[in-house]
Amino acid sequence: MKRLFCFIICVMLSLFFCLPAFADTMPDWYYKGDFSEFSDFHAENPRRVVDDADLFSDEEEAVLNERISEVVENLGIGYALFTDDNNHGLTPEEYSSDFLHFGGYGVGEEYGAVVFYISFEEGNRCWRTTSINSYESIFTSYVTFQIDEMVDADIRAGRYYEAYLKHIAFVEELFENGGELTEDLIFADYEDYEANYSDDYADDSDKDSNIFTTIVVAVIIGAVVGGMHLARCRKAMKVVSPVDAHEYLVPGSFDLRNKQVYYLYSTVTRTEKQKSGGSGGGGSSYSSGSSSGGSYSSGGRSF
């Protein structure tokens, strides 16, 4: 009875700790269907300021919405501002690019768009300027580096409203100049960009490489320690010389006369094992490659 009671308590605790995972549903704007069936589209009147992290006051959000709507209308560009405190298991790059794709923010035949996203996810606070499709050639790593230099101090000081206003002004002047940087939009020289690029924009492949190296080193150390322990155990073993099996029998005491074999109530069938087909990979994000047509580029920093 005591064991049964402990088992019930363990099950209840497990369900309790799993509740947050069950409650974690994707936001309303996220595409709920089969990613392979999704294709970019033009939304008629998408929200330009989506503050899911509840970052701005009503007055601040109204000003941001009026300002970005003016830029979008005058220049005919795909542009939005976005905040959230949960990336729902995706990277900030995937999550913000999905926001553009699934929200229908792309303009033109190539569905170009850009979003300035700030993530307040616990352990993953960062900002990203993410562009999709044709806008990827405009928001290069050098351009996003200039944006990062521009908003860095404000975001780290908690002046998010000011950072968003600056981002709008940057995008407005960038597109007014045909997608080319002007002197007013350069906040750090090229030498600083070259010196800091690898640090500020750490590639995921570098992180994966470091993790892989750590795992390999741990395996090697474990193998060496385990081998040494095994060697000590072998030395401590008492090895008995092999004995012929016939020495365990009394001569003439065993005589096998009937050598027929009977199988009672048994049926032996053989079925060929099917080989698994296809390939793995993919992911939960449309823009990460699980559906055709979705692409993105993204730059930003953690804070």
C-alpha atoms as a PDB file:
ATOM      1  CA  MET A   1       0.000   0.000   0.000  1.00  0.00           C
ATOM      2  CA  LYS A   2       2.801   2.364   0.841  1.00  0.00           C
ATOM      3  CA  ARG A   3       4.468   1.688  -2.534  1.00  0.00           C
ATOM      4  CA  LEU A   4       1.200   2.371  -4.377  1.00  0.00           C
ATOM      5  CA  PHE A   5       0.768   5.663  -2.519  1.00  0.00           C
ATOM      6  CA  CYS A   6       4.324   6.766  -3.427  1.00  0.00           C
ATOM      7  CA  PHE A   7       3.710   5.820  -7.071  1.00  0.00           C
ATOM      8  CA  ILE A   8       0.515   7.925  -7.219  1.00  0.00           C
ATOM      9  CA  ILE A   9       2.332  10.907  -5.677  1.00  0.00           C
ATOM     10  CA  CYS A  10       5.147  10.616  -8.257  1.00  0.00           C
ATOM     11  CA  VAL A  11       2.644  10.510 -11.133  1.00  0.00           C
ATOM     12  CA  MET A  12       0.814  13.580  -9.806  1.00  0.00           C
ATOM     13  CA  LEU A  13       4.062  15.512  -9.437  1.00  0.00           C
ATOM     14  CA  SER A  14       5.110  14.569 -12.966  1.00  0.00           C
ATOM     15  CA  LEU A  15       1.804  15.808 -14.374  1.00  0.00           C
ATOM     16  CA  PHE A  16       2.106  19.005 -12.349  1.00  0.00           C
ATOM     17  CA  PHE A  17       5.527  19.833 -13.734  1.00  0.00           C
ATOM     18  CA  CYS A  18       4.376  19.031 -17.260  1.00  0.00           C
ATOM     19  CA  LEU A  19       1.498  21.510 -17.144  1.00  0.00           C
ATOM     20  CA  PRO A  20       3.544  24.467 -18.462  1.00  0.00           C
ATOM     21  CA  ALA A  21       4.530  22.432 -21.517  1.00  0.00           C
ATOM     22  CA  PHE A  22       0.903  21.561 -22.264  1.00  0.00           C
ATOM     23  CA  ALA A  23      -0.146  25.172 -21.758  1.00  0.00           C
ATOM     24  CA  ASP A  24       2.506  26.470 -24.145  1.00  0.00           C
ATOM     25  CA  THR A  25       0.513  26.968 -27.351  1.00  0.00           C
ATOM     26  CA  MET A  26       1.585  28.912 -30.400  1.00  0.00           C
ATOM     27  CA  PRO A  27       0.214  32.474 -30.813  1.00  0.00           C
ATOM     28  CA  ASP A  28      -2.846  33.215 -32.934  1.00  0.00           C
ATOM     29  CA  TRP A  29      -0.832  34.476 -35.888  1.00  0.00           C
ATOM     30  CA  TYR A  30       1.187  31.261 -36.197  1.00  0.00           C
ATOM     31  CA  TYR A  31       0.248  28.972 -39.084  1.00  0.00           C
ATOM     32  CA  LYS A  32      -1.484  25.865 -37.716  1.00  0.00           C
ATOM     33  CA  GLY A  33      -1.650  23.816 -40.900  1.00  0.00           C
ATOM     34  CA  ASP A  34       0.795  21.698 -42.863  1.00  0.00           C
ATOM     35  CA  PHE A  35       3.917  23.787 -43.571  1.00  0.00           C
ATOM     36  CA  SER A  36       4.367  22.101 -46.944  1.00  0.00           C
ATOM     37  CA  GLU A  37       1.067  23.626 -48.058  1.00  0.00           C
ATOM     38  CA  PHE A  38       1.909  27.178 -46.978  1.00  0.00           C
ATOM     39  CA  SER A  39       2.976  29.870 -49.440  1.00  0.00           C
ATOM     40  CA  ASP A  40       3.675  33.560 -48.874  1.00  0.00           C
ATOM     41  CA  PHE A  41       0.751  35.927 -49.334  1.00  0.00           C
ATOM     42  CA  HIS A  42      -0.086  39.634 -49.089  1.00  0.00           C
ATOM     43  CA  ALA A  43      -2.149  40.482 -46.012  1.00  0.00           C
ATOM     44  CA  GLU A  44      -4.566  43.358 -46.526  1.00  0.00           C
ATOM     45  CA  ASN A  45      -4.020  45.216 -43.265  1.00  0.00           C
ATOM     46  CA  PRO A  46      -1.535  43.447 -40.964  1.00  0.00           C
ATOM     47  CA  ARG A  47      -0.749  44.824 -37.514  1.00  0.00           C
ATOM     48  CA  ARG A  48       2.393  46.918 -37.667  1.00  0.00           C
ATOM     49  CA  VAL A  49       3.134  46.872 -33.923  1.00  0.00           C
ATOM     50  CA  VAL A  50       2.681  43.515 -32.183  1.00  0.00           C
ATOM     51  CA  ASP A  51       3.703  43.964 -28.554  1.00  0.00           C
ATOM     52  CA  ASP A  52       3.127  40.470 -27.149  1.00  0.00           C
ATOM     53  CA  ALA A  53       5.705  41.141 -24.405  1.00  0.00           C
ATOM     54  CA  ASP A  54       3.547  44.081 -23.217  1.00  0.00           C
ATOM     55  CA  LEU A  55       6.532  46.374 -23.453  1.00  0.00           C
ATOM     56  CA  PHE A  56       4.914  49.709 -24.330  1.00  0.00           C
ATOM     57  CA  SER A  57       2.231  51.862 -22.812  1.00  0.00           C
ATOM     58  CA  ASP A  58      -0.901  52.549 -24.851  1.00  0.00           C
ATOM     59  CA  GLU A  59       0.427  55.994 -25.730  1.00  0.00           C
ATOM     60  CA  GLU A  60       3.818  54.674 -26.837  1.00  0.00           C
ATOM     61  CA  GLU A  61       2.254  51.918 -28.932  1.00  0.00           C
ATOM     62  CA  ALA A  62      -0.050  54.446 -30.592  1.00  0.00           C
ATOM     63  CA  VAL A  63       2.899  56.675 -31.546  1.00  0.00           C
ATOM     64  CA  LEU A  64       4.914  53.726 -32.876  1.00  0.00           C
ATOM     65  CA  ASN A  65       1.945  52.468 -34.874  1.00  0.00           C
ATOM     66  CA  GLU A  66       1.305  55.895 -36.384  1.00  0.00           C
ATOM     67  CA  ARG A  67       4.971  56.387 -37.241  1.00  0.00           C
ATOM     68  CA  ILE A  68       5.545  52.970 -38.857  1.00  0.00           C
ATOM     69  CA  SER A  69       2.223  53.104 -40.715  1.00  0.00           C
ATOM     70  CA  GLU A  70       3.274  56.426 -42.225  1.00  0.00           C
ATOM     71  CA  VAL A  71       6.591  54.956 -43.410  1.00  0.00           C
ATOM     72  CA  VAL A  72       4.943  51.833 -44.824  1.00  0.00           C
ATOM     73  CA  GLU A  73       2.302  53.835 -46.678  1.00  0.00           C
ATOM     74  CA  ASN A  74       4.717  56.391 -48.119  1.00  0.00           C
ATOM     75  CA  LEU A  75       7.378  53.901 -49.218  1.00  0.00           C
ATOM     76  CA  GLY A  76       5.246  50.824 -49.878  1.00  0.00           C
ATOM     77  CA  ILE A  77       7.505  48.498 -47.869  1.00  0.00           C
ATOM     78  CA  GLY A  78       6.929  45.396 -45.761  1.00  0.00           C
ATOM     79  CA  TYR A  79       7.831  46.346 -42.210  1.00  0.00           C
ATOM     80  CA  ALA A  80       6.700  45.552 -38.663  1.00  0.00           C
ATOM     81  CA  LEU A  81       7.722  45.812 -34.999  1.00  0.00           C
ATOM     82  CA  PHE A  82       7.418  42.785 -32.738  1.00  0.00           C
ATOM     83  CA  THR A  83       8.089  41.823 -29.106  1.00  0.00           C
ATOM     84  CA  ASP A  84       7.486  38.571 -27.234  1.00  0.00           C
ATOM     85  CA  ASP A  85       8.645  36.783 -24.085  1.00  0.00           C
ATOM     86  CA  ASN A  86       8.480  33.271 -25.575  1.00  0.00           C
ATOM     87  CA  ASN A  87       9.992  31.881 -28.778  1.00  0.00           C
ATOM     88  CA  HIS A  88       8.018  28.647 -28.345  1.00  0.00           C
ATOM     89  CA  GLY A  89      10.973  26.344 -28.855  1.00  0.00           C
ATOM     90  CA  LEU A  90      12.269  28.132 -31.958  1.00  0.00           C
ATOM     91  CA  THR A  91      15.326  30.316 -32.323  1.00  0.00           C
ATOM     92  CA  PRO A  92      14.687  34.084 -32.331  1.00  0.00           C
ATOM     93  CA  GLU A  93      15.649  34.106 -36.009  1.00  0.00           C
ATOM     94  CA  GLU A  94      13.152  31.405 -36.943  1.00  0.00           C
ATOM     95  CA  TYR A  95      10.412  32.834 -34.760  1.00  0.00           C
ATOM     96  CA  SER A  96      10.698  36.383 -36.112  1.00  0.00           C
ATOM     97  CA  SER A  97      10.947  35.192 -39.731  1.00  0.00           C
ATOM     98  CA  ASP A  98       7.859  33.025 -39.244  1.00  0.00           C
ATOM     99  CA  PHE A  99       6.127  36.143 -37.932  1.00  0.00           C
ATOM    100  CA  LEU A 100       6.750  37.830 -41.282  1.00  0.00           C
ATOM    101  CA  HIS A 101       5.888  34.830 -43.441  1.00  0.00           C
ATOM    102  CA  PHE A 102       2.745  33.768 -41.593  1.00  0.00           C
ATOM    103  CA  GLY A 103       1.563  37.346 -41.053  1.00  0.00           C
ATOM    104  CA  GLY A 104       1.609  38.135 -44.775  1.00  0.00           C
ATOM    105  CA  TYR A 105       3.936  41.125 -44.371  1.00  0.00           C
ATOM    106  CA  GLY A 106       5.822  40.540 -47.630  1.00  0.00           C
ATOM    107  CA  VAL A 107       5.394  43.049 -50.440  1.00  0.00           C
ATOM    108  CA  GLY A 108       5.948  42.751 -54.172  1.00  0.00           C
ATOM    109  CA  GLU A 109       6.244  39.610 -56.247  1.00  0.00           C
ATOM    110  CA  GLU A 110       9.118  38.359 -54.067  1.00  0.00           C
ATOM    111  CA  TYR A 111       7.350  39.042 -50.751  1.00  0.00           C
ATOM    112  CA  GLY A 112      10.124  41.093 -49.147  1.00  0.00           C
ATOM    113  CA  ALA A 113       9.710  42.246 -45.535  1.00  0.00           C
ATOM    114  CA  VAL A 114      11.671  43.155 -42.408  1.00  0.00           C
ATOM    115  CA  VAL A 115      10.862  43.084 -38.689  1.00  0.00           C
ATOM    116  CA  PHE A 116      12.610  44.481 -35.630  1.00  0.00           C
ATOM    117  CA  TYR A 117      12.110  41.873 -32.910  1.00  0.00           C
ATOM    118  CA  ILE A 118      13.029  41.986 -29.218  1.00  0.00           C
ATOM    119  CA  SER A 119      12.850  38.686 -27.343  1.00  0.00           C
ATOM    120  CA  PHE A 120      12.429  38.673 -23.558  1.00  0.00           C
ATOM    121  CA  GLU A 121      12.461  34.897 -23.260  1.00  0.00           C
ATOM    122  CA  GLU A 122      14.140  33.827 -20.025  1.00  0.00           C
ATOM    123  CA  GLY A 123      17.752  32.965 -20.761  1.00  0.00           C
ATOM    124  CA  ASN A 124      17.444  34.217 -24.348  1.00  0.00           C
ATOM    125  CA  ARG A 125      17.005  37.989 -24.186  1.00  0.00           C
ATOM    126  CA  CYS A 126      18.062  39.450 -27.506  1.00  0.00           C
ATOM    127  CA  TRP A 127      17.075  41.630 -30.420  1.00  0.00           C
ATOM    128  CA  ARG A 128      16.988  40.758 -34.098  1.00  0.00           C
ATOM    129  CA  THR A 129      16.538  42.629 -37.365  1.00  0.00           C
ATOM    130  CA  THR A 130      15.143  39.830 -39.501  1.00  0.00           C
ATOM    131  CA  SER A 131      14.437  40.107 -43.228  1.00  0.00           C
ATOM    132  CA  ILE A 132      12.864  37.635 -45.626  1.00  0.00           C
ATOM    133  CA  ASN A 133      13.061  36.905 -49.336  1.00  0.00           C
ATOM    134  CA  SER A 134      14.098  39.917 -51.471  1.00  0.00           C
ATOM    135  CA  TYR A 135      14.883  42.112 -48.432  1.00  0.00           C
ATOM    136  CA  GLU A 136      17.757  39.832 -47.448  1.00  0.00           C
ATOM    137  CA  SER A 137      19.971  41.559 -50.012  1.00  0.00           C
ATOM    138  CA  ILE A 138      19.172  44.932 -48.411  1.00  0.00           C
ATOM    139  CA  PHE A 139      19.645  44.022 -44.753  1.00  0.00           C
ATOM    140  CA  THR A 140      23.111  42.561 -45.046  1.00  0.00           C
ATOM    141  CA  SER A 141      25.280  41.734 -42.053  1.00  0.00           C
ATOM    142  CA  TYR A 142      26.979  45.127 -42.380  1.00  0.00           C
ATOM    143  CA  VAL A 143      23.637  46.969 -42.363  1.00  0.00           C
ATOM    144  CA  THR A 144      22.342  45.038 -39.345  1.00  0.00           C
ATOM    145  CA  PHE A 145      25.668  45.744 -37.613  1.00  0.00           C
ATOM    146  CA  GLN A 146      25.020  49.478 -38.006  1.00  0.00           C
ATOM    147  CA  ILE A 147      21.512  49.008 -36.590  1.00  0.00           C
ATOM    148  CA  ASP A 148      22.970  47.126 -33.626  1.00  0.00           C
ATOM    149  CA  GLU A 149      25.444  49.910 -32.956  1.00  0.00           C
ATOM    150  CA  MET A 150      22.595  52.436 -33.108  1.00  0.00           C
ATOM    151  CA  VAL A 151      20.207  50.714 -30.665  1.00  0.00           C
ATOM    152  CA  ASP A 152      22.672  48.922 -28.393  1.00  0.00           C
ATOM    153  CA  ALA A 153      22.920  51.548 -25.626  1.00  0.00           C
ATOM    154  CA  ASP A 154      19.156  52.206 -25.547  1.00  0.00           C
ATOM    155  CA  ILE A 155      18.152  48.551 -25.313  1.00  0.00           C
ATOM    156  CA  ARG A 156      20.700  47.735 -22.620  1.00  0.00           C
ATOM    157  CA  ALA A 157      19.458  50.738 -20.627  1.00  0.00           C
ATOM    158  CA  GLY A 158      15.817  49.643 -20.995  1.00  0.00           C
ATOM    159  CA  ARG A 159      14.889  52.452 -23.412  1.00  0.00           C
ATOM    160  CA  TYR A 160      13.051  50.127 -25.792  1.00  0.00           C
ATOM    161  CA  TYR A 161      10.621  52.753 -27.050  1.00  0.00           C
ATOM    162  CA  GLU A 162      13.495  55.003 -28.115  1.00  0.00           C
ATOM    163  CA  ALA A 163      15.236  52.055 -29.801  1.00  0.00           C
ATOM    164  CA  TYR A 164      12.140  51.284 -31.876  1.00  0.00           C
ATOM    165  CA  LEU A 165      11.761  54.928 -32.930  1.00  0.00           C
ATOM    166  CA  LYS A 166      15.386  54.934 -34.080  1.00  0.00           C
ATOM    167  CA  HIS A 167      14.870  51.700 -35.993  1.00  0.00           C
ATOM    168  CA  ILE A 168      11.902  53.201 -37.846  1.00  0.00           C
ATOM    169  CA  ALA A 169      13.933  56.287 -38.773  1.00  0.00           C
ATOM    170  CA  PHE A 170      16.808  54.070 -39.961  1.00  0.00           C
ATOM    171  CA  VAL A 171      14.571  51.929 -42.189  1.00  0.00           C
ATOM    172  CA  GLU A 172      12.837  55.010 -43.577  1.00  0.00           C
ATOM    173  CA  GLU A 173      16.092  56.684 -44.641  1.00  0.00           C
ATOM    174  CA  LEU A 174      17.519  53.389 -45.924  1.00  0.00           C
ATOM    175  CA  PHE A 175      14.621  52.834 -48.336  1.00  0.00           C
ATOM    176  CA  GLU A 176      14.435  56.508 -49.306  1.00  0.00           C
ATOM    177  CA  ASN A 177      18.021  56.071 -50.473  1.00  0.00           C
ATOM    178  CA  GLY A 178      17.199  52.978 -52.514  1.00  0.00           C
ATOM    179  CA  GLY A 179      18.430  50.505 -49.932  1.00  0.00           C
ATOM    180  CA  GLU A 180      21.898  52.052 -49.671  1.00  0.00           C
ATOM    181  CA  LEU A 181      23.523  53.297 -46.471  1.00  0.00           C
ATOM    182  CA  THR A 182      24.058  57.028 -46.118  1.00  0.00           C
ATOM    183  CA  GLU A 183      26.638  58.669 -43.869  1.00  0.00           C
ATOM    184  CA  ASP A 184      23.904  59.343 -41.305  1.00  0.00           C
ATOM    185  CA  LEU A 185      23.258  55.584 -41.034  1.00  0.00           C
ATOM    186  CA  ILE A 186      26.847  54.547 -40.317  1.00  0.00           C
ATOM    187  CA  PHE A 187      27.475  54.357 -36.577  1.00  0.00           C
ATOM    188  CA  ALA A 188      30.749  52.406 -36.646  1.00  0.00           C
ATOM    189  CA  ASP A 189      33.551  52.257 -39.212  1.00  0.00           C
ATOM    190  CA  TYR A 190      34.368  49.184 -41.252  1.00  0.00           C
ATOM    191  CA  GLU A 191      37.372  48.290 -39.070  1.00  0.00           C
ATOM    192  CA  ASP A 192      35.112  48.003 -36.010  1.00  0.00           C
ATOM    193  CA  TYR A 193      32.728  45.865 -38.006  1.00  0.00           C
ATOM    194  CA  GLU A 194      35.506  43.496 -39.073  1.00  0.00           C
ATOM    195  CA  ALA A 195      36.908  43.306 -35.544  1.00  0.00           C
ATOM    196  CA  ASN A 196      33.581  42.677 -33.782  1.00  0.00           C
ATOM    197  CA  TYR A 197      31.561  40.768 -36.345  1.00  0.00           C
ATOM    198  CA  SER A 198      32.657  37.274 -35.291  1.00  0.00           C
ATOM    199  CA  ASP A 199      31.961  38.052 -31.628  1.00  0.00           C
ATOM    200  CA  ASP A 200      28.670  39.859 -32.037  1.00  0.00           C
ATOM    201  CA  TYR A 201      27.255  37.470 -34.614  1.00  0.00           C
ATOM    202  CA  ALA A 202      28.420  34.113 -33.298  1.00  0.00           C
ATOM    203  CA  ASP A 203      27.523  31.464 -35.829  1.00  0.00           C
ATOM    204  CA  ASP A 204      25.463  28.534 -34.603  1.00  0.00           C
ATOM    205  CA  SER A 205      27.956  26.225 -36.311  1.00  0.00           C
ATOM    206  CA  ASP A 206      30.670  27.532 -33.963  1.00  0.00           C
ATOM    207  CA  LYS A 207      28.472  26.748 -30.963  1.00  0.00           C
ATOM    208  CA  ASP A 208      27.738  23.291 -32.327  1.00  0.00           C
ATOM    209  CA  SER A 209      31.450  22.747 -32.920  1.00  0.00           C
ATOM    210  CA  ASN A 210      32.280  23.700 -29.330  1.00  0.00           C
ATOM    211  CA  ILE A 211      29.588  21.378 -27.987  1.00  0.00           C
ATOM    212  CA  PHE A 212      30.821  18.543 -30.208  1.00  0.00           C
ATOM    213  CA  THR A 213      34.420  19.084 -29.033  1.00  0.00           C
ATOM    214  CA  THR A 214      33.307  19.007 -25.397  1.00  0.00           C
ATOM    215  CA  ILE A 215      31.396  15.765 -25.946  1.00  0.00           C
ATOM    216  CA  VAL A 216      34.354  14.127 -27.724  1.00  0.00           C
ATOM    217  CA  VAL A 217      36.774  15.114 -24.948  1.00  0.00           C
ATOM    218  CA  ALA A 218      34.350  13.809 -22.296  1.00  0.00           C
ATOM    219  CA  VAL A 219      33.972  10.500 -24.130  1.00  0.00           C
ATOM    220  CA  ILE A 220      37.743  10.094 -24.459  1.00  0.00           C
ATOM    221  CA  ILE A 221      38.320  10.855 -20.764  1.00  0.00           C
ATOM    222  CA  GLY A 222      35.540   8.445 -19.801  1.00  0.00           C
ATOM    223  CA  ALA A 223      36.992   5.726 -22.027  1.00  0.00           C
ATOM    224  CA  VAL A 224      40.477   6.150 -20.536  1.00  0.00           C
ATOM    225  CA  VAL A 225      39.221   6.110 -16.936  1.00  0.00           C
ATOM    226  CA  GLY A 226      36.949   3.159 -17.667  1.00  0.00           C
ATOM    227  CA  GLY A 227      39.769   1.253 -19.362  1.00  0.00           C
ATOM    228  CA  MET A 228      42.074   1.767 -16.403  1.00  0.00           C
ATOM    229  CA  HIS A 229      39.392   0.552 -13.997  1.00  0.00           C
ATOM    230  CA  LEU A 230      38.685  -2.470 -16.207  1.00  0.00           C
ATOM    231  CA  ALA A 231      42.385  -3.351 -16.270  1.00  0.00           C
ATOM    232  CA  ARG A 232      42.545  -3.268 -12.475  1.00  0.00           C
ATOM    233  CA  CYS A 233      39.476  -5.508 -12.253  1.00  0.00           C
ATOM    234  CA  ARG A 234      40.986  -8.007 -14.672  1.00  0.00           C
ATOM    235  CA  LYS A 235      44.146  -8.219 -12.612  1.00  0.00           C
ATOM    236  CA  ALA A 236      42.101  -8.931  -9.489  1.00  0.00           C
ATOM    237  CA  MET A 237      40.159 -11.749 -11.138  1.00  0.00           C
ATOM    238  CA  LYS A 238      40.998 -15.393 -10.328  1.00  0.00           C
ATOM    239  CA  VAL A 239      41.155 -17.183 -13.657  1.00  0.00           C
ATOM    240  CA  VAL A 240      40.413 -20.934 -13.617  1.00  0.00           C
ATOM    241  CA  SER A 241      42.002 -23.103 -16.279  1.00  0.00           C
ATOM    242  CA  PRO A 242      39.454 -24.374 -18.818  1.00  0.00           C
ATOM    243  CA  VAL A 243      38.177 -27.902 -18.176  1.00  0.00           C
ATOM    244  CA  ASP A 244      36.886 -30.268 -20.834  1.00  0.00           C
ATOM    245  CA  ALA A 245      33.113 -30.723 -20.512  1.00  0.00           C
ATOM    246  CA  HIS A 246      33.416 -34.542 -20.515  1.00  0.00           C
ATOM    247  CA  GLU A 247      35.252 -34.408 -17.194  1.00  0.00           C
ATOM    248  CA  TYR A 248      31.988 -33.384 -15.500  1.00  0.00           C
ATOM    249  CA  LEU A 249      30.264 -36.645 -16.577  1.00  0.00           C
ATOM    250  CA  VAL A 250      30.575 -40.054 -14.971  1.00  0.00           C
ATOM    251  CA  PRO A 251      31.729 -42.414 -17.732  1.00  0.00           C
ATOM    252  CA  GLY A 252      28.853 -44.539 -19.052  1.00  0.00           C
ATOM    253  CA  SER A 253      26.149 -42.700 -17.082  1.00  0.00           C
ATOM    254  CA  PHE A 254      24.578 -40.840 -20.060  1.00  0.00           C
ATOM    255  CA  ASP A 255      23.332 -42.465 -23.266  1.00  0.00           C
ATOM    256  CA  LEU A 256      21.303 -40.478 -25.840  1.00  0.00           C
ATOM    257  CA  ARG A 257      19.350 -43.040 -27.916  1.00  0.00           C
ATOM    258  CA  ASN A 258      16.347 -41.173 -29.373  1.00  0.00           C
ATOM    259  CA  LYS A 259      17.555 -38.225 -31.410  1.00  0.00           C
ATOM    260  CA  GLN A 260      14.209 -37.088 -32.860  1.00  0.00           C
ATOM    261  CA  VAL A 261      12.928 -33.563 -32.043  1.00  0.00           C
ATOM    262  CA  TYR A 262       9.230 -32.750 -31.542  1.00  0.00           C
ATOM    263  CA  TYR A 263       7.724 -29.229 -31.540  1.00  0.00           C
ATOM    264  CA  LEU A 264       4.450 -29.098 -29.600  1.00  0.00           C
ATOM    265  CA  TYR A 265       1.875 -26.455 -30.535  1.00  0.00           C
ATOM    266  CA  SER A 266       4.401 -24.181 -32.232  1.00  0.00           C
ATOM    267  CA  THR A 267       4.291 -22.397 -35.564  1.00  0.00           C
ATOM    268  CA  VAL A 268       7.327 -20.704 -37.049  1.00  0.00           C
ATOM    269  CA  THR A 269       6.745 -17.895 -39.551  1.00  0.00           C
ATOM    270  CA  ARG A 270       9.184 -15.556 -41.207  1.00  0.00           C
ATOM    271  CA  THR A 271       8.348 -12.021 -42.337  1.00  0.00           C
ATOM    272  CA  GLU A 272      10.784  -9.851 -44.226  1.00  0.00           C
ATOM    273  CA  LYS A 273      11.667  -6.715 -42.268  1.00  0.00           C
ATOM    274  CA  GLN A 274      10.742  -3.562 -44.156  1.00  0.00           C
ATOM    275  CA  LYS A 275      13.523  -1.096 -44.679  1.00  0.00           C
ATOM    276  CA  SER A 276      12.847   2.403 -43.442  1.00  0.00           C
ATOM    277  CA  GLY A 277      12.735   4.972 -46.194  1.00  0.00           C
ATOM    278  CA  GLY A 278      13.045   8.733 -46.419  1.00  0.00           C
ATOM    279  CA  SER A 279      15.371  11.075 -44.585  1.00  0.00           C
ATOM    280  CA  GLY A 280      15.220  12.891 -41.288  1.00  0.00           C
ATOM    281  CA  GLY A 281      15.717  16.545 -40.499  1.00  0.00           C
ATOM    282  CA  GLY A 282      13.366  19.455 -40.962  1.00  0.00           C
ATOM    283  CA  GLY A 283      11.973  21.338 -37.992  1.00  0.00           C
ATOM    284  CA  SER A 284       8.902  23.038 -36.675  1.00  0.00           C
ATOM    285  CA  SER A 285       9.577  26.323 -38.429  1.00  0.00           C
ATOM    286  CA  TYR A 286       8.458  27.045 -41.979  1.00  0.00           C
ATOM    287  CA  SER A 287      11.338  29.429 -42.516  1.00  0.00           C
ATOM    288  CA  SER A 288      13.916  26.999 -41.191  1.00  0.00           C
ATOM    289  CA  GLY A 289      13.458  24.779 -44.206  1.00  0.00           C
ATOM    290  CA  SER A 290      10.520  22.473 -43.521  1.00  0.00           C
ATOM    291  CA  SER A 291       8.601  24.109 -46.364  1.00  0.00           C
ATOM    292  CA  SER A 292       9.650  25.398 -49.756  1.00  0.00           C
ATOM    293  CA  GLY A 293       9.922  29.101 -50.484  1.00  0.00           C
ATOM    294  CA  GLY A 294      10.696  30.396 -47.003  1.00  0.00           C
ATOM    295  CA  SER A 295      14.037  32.099 -46.405  1.00  0.00           C
ATOM    296  CA  TYR A 296      15.422  34.697 -44.017  1.00  0.00           C
ATOM    297  CA  SER A 297      18.508  36.502 -42.795  1.00  0.00           C
ATOM    298  CA  SER A 298      18.896  37.921 -39.320  1.00  0.00           C
ATOM    299  CA  GLY A 299      21.335  39.944 -37.224  1.00  0.00           C
ATOM    300  CA  GLY A 300      21.323  41.149 -33.649  1.00  0.00           C
ATOM    301  CA  ARG A 301      22.763  40.803 -30.171  1.00  0.00           C
ATOM    302  CA  SER A 302      21.945  39.426 -26.745  1.00  0.00           C
ATOM    303  CA  PHE A 303      21.440  41.621 -23.671  1.00  0.00           C
END
